[in-house]
Amino acid sequence: QVQLVESGGGLVQPGGSLRLSCAASGLTFTNYNMGWFRQAPGKGRGFVATISSSGTTVHADSVKGRFTISRDNAKNTVYLQMNSLKPEDTAVYYCHAIQSGSNVHYWGQGTQVTVSS
């Protein structure tokens, strides 16, 4: 059974920081590109960042310079470091895994991030 288990979400004040983690199991982690997506209340699910199996990263314009995606293949874990958080970052954040060169993919359960004073 493939499982993506997230942690690190919560409530933070504007300007604060959080680090999300996503631990993968049941798959060969190095064969997967990993990503983060988010869905705010009343909006569709949007792209945040991706990191390829080789370590190449892409970040959405809305988070460039503030968020950083990374991965630790030895721990089968992908991270999202979020700094300078804004109220508009409030959303459910989802971990995503997609097998390189295929359409086999998986989603995490989602974790709530709330940025508010």
Protein backbone atom coordinates (compact mmCIF):
# COMPACT_ATOMS: atom_id res chain seq x y z
CA GLN A 1 0.00 0.00 0.00
CA VAL A 2 1.40 3.36 -1.07
CA GLN A 3 1.08 6.00 1.63
CA LEU A 4 2.04 9.67 1.85
CA VAL A 5 1.94 10.92 5.45
CA GLU A 6 2.11 14.67 6.02
CA SER A 7 3.02 16.65 9.12
CA GLY A 8 3.89 20.20 10.13
CA GLY A 9 0.72 22.12 9.36
CA GLY A 10 -0.94 24.46 11.82
CA LEU A 11 -1.73 28.05 12.75
CA VAL A 12 0.92 30.74 12.27
CA GLN A 13 0.97 34.55 12.31
CA PRO A 14 1.70 36.57 9.16
CA GLY A 15 5.45 36.74 8.59
CA GLY A 16 6.01 33.45 10.37
CA SER A 17 7.38 30.14 9.13
CA LEU A 18 6.36 26.51 8.92
CA ARG A 19 7.97 23.38 7.51
CA LEU A 20 5.76 20.69 6.04
CA SER A 21 6.98 17.11 5.74
CA CYS A 22 5.67 14.25 3.62
CA ALA A 23 6.95 10.75 4.36
CA ALA A 24 6.43 8.21 1.56
CA SER A 25 6.17 4.45 1.93
CA GLY A 26 5.21 1.54 -0.30
CA LEU A 27 7.05 2.94 -3.31
CA THR A 28 10.57 3.29 -4.64
CA PHE A 29 11.03 6.92 -3.66
CA THR A 30 13.89 7.69 -6.05
CA ASN A 31 11.68 6.76 -9.03
CA TYR A 32 9.15 9.49 -8.20
CA ASN A 33 8.89 13.20 -8.81
CA MET A 34 7.36 14.90 -5.76
CA GLY A 35 5.28 18.03 -5.35
CA TRP A 36 3.11 20.23 -3.19
CA PHE A 37 -0.30 21.62 -4.14
CA ARG A 38 -2.77 23.69 -2.15
CA GLN A 39 -6.47 24.45 -2.08
CA ALA A 40 -7.86 27.56 -0.39
CA PRO A 41 -11.51 27.82 0.70
CA GLY A 42 -13.76 28.25 -2.33
CA LYS A 43 -10.91 27.80 -4.81
CA GLY A 44 -9.48 24.98 -6.91
CA ARG A 45 -6.33 23.03 -6.15
CA GLY A 46 -3.25 24.93 -7.34
CA PHE A 47 0.41 24.22 -7.95
CA VAL A 48 2.95 25.22 -5.30
CA ALA A 49 6.24 23.45 -6.09
CA THR A 50 7.77 20.29 -7.52
CA ILE A 51 11.09 18.50 -7.20
CA SER A 52 12.18 15.84 -9.68
CA SER A 53 13.77 12.53 -8.83
CA SER A 54 17.11 14.13 -9.78
CA GLY A 55 16.58 17.19 -7.57
CA THR A 56 15.42 19.82 -10.09
CA THR A 57 12.92 22.24 -8.51
CA VAL A 58 10.12 24.47 -9.79
CA HIS A 59 8.18 26.94 -7.62
CA ALA A 60 5.00 28.85 -8.38
CA ASP A 61 5.44 32.59 -8.89
CA SER A 62 3.26 33.30 -5.87
CA VAL A 63 5.71 31.54 -3.53
CA LYS A 64 9.11 32.18 -5.17
CA GLY A 65 11.60 33.57 -2.68
CA ARG A 66 9.46 32.47 0.26
CA PHE A 67 8.90 28.70 -0.10
CA THR A 68 11.51 26.02 -0.81
CA ILE A 69 10.86 22.40 -1.74
CA SER A 70 13.48 19.78 -0.97
CA ARG A 71 13.81 16.02 -0.60
CA ASP A 72 15.84 13.56 1.43
CA ASN A 73 15.99 10.29 -0.48
CA ALA A 74 17.58 8.47 2.45
CA LYS A 75 14.48 9.31 4.53
CA ASN A 76 11.91 8.91 1.71
CA THR A 77 10.68 12.39 2.63
CA VAL A 78 9.86 15.61 0.80
CA TYR A 79 9.72 18.98 2.58
CA LEU A 80 8.20 22.40 2.01
CA GLN A 81 9.89 25.19 3.96
CA MET A 82 7.50 28.15 4.12
CA ASN A 83 8.83 31.55 5.23
CA SER A 84 7.30 35.05 5.28
CA LEU A 85 3.84 33.53 5.33
CA LYS A 86 0.87 35.64 4.23
CA PRO A 87 -2.85 35.27 4.97
CA GLU A 88 -3.39 34.34 1.31
CA ASP A 89 -1.20 31.25 1.89
CA THR A 90 -4.01 29.81 4.02
CA ALA A 91 -5.04 26.51 2.43
CA VAL A 92 -5.03 22.76 2.69
CA TYR A 93 -1.63 21.59 1.43
CA TYR A 94 -1.35 18.26 -0.39
CA CYS A 95 1.70 16.11 -1.03
CA HIS A 96 1.88 14.51 -4.48
CA ALA A 97 4.01 11.73 -5.97
CA ILE A 98 4.20 10.78 -9.65
CA GLN A 99 6.33 8.02 -11.09
CA SER A 100 8.91 9.27 -13.58
CA GLY A 101 7.90 8.55 -17.16
CA SER A 102 4.37 7.35 -16.29
CA ASN A 103 0.94 8.51 -15.18
CA VAL A 104 1.04 6.54 -11.92
CA HIS A 105 0.52 9.05 -9.14
CA TYR A 106 -0.61 9.38 -5.52
CA TRP A 107 -1.91 12.08 -3.17
CA GLY A 108 -1.46 12.65 0.53
CA GLN A 109 -4.39 13.32 2.83
CA GLY A 110 -3.78 17.06 3.07
CA THR A 111 -2.77 19.23 6.00
CA GLN A 112 -4.25 22.58 7.02
CA VAL A 113 -2.09 25.71 7.07
CA THR A 114 -3.74 28.82 8.51
CA VAL A 115 -1.99 32.21 8.46
CA SER A 116 -3.85 34.70 10.64
CA SER A 117 -3.37 37.35 13.28
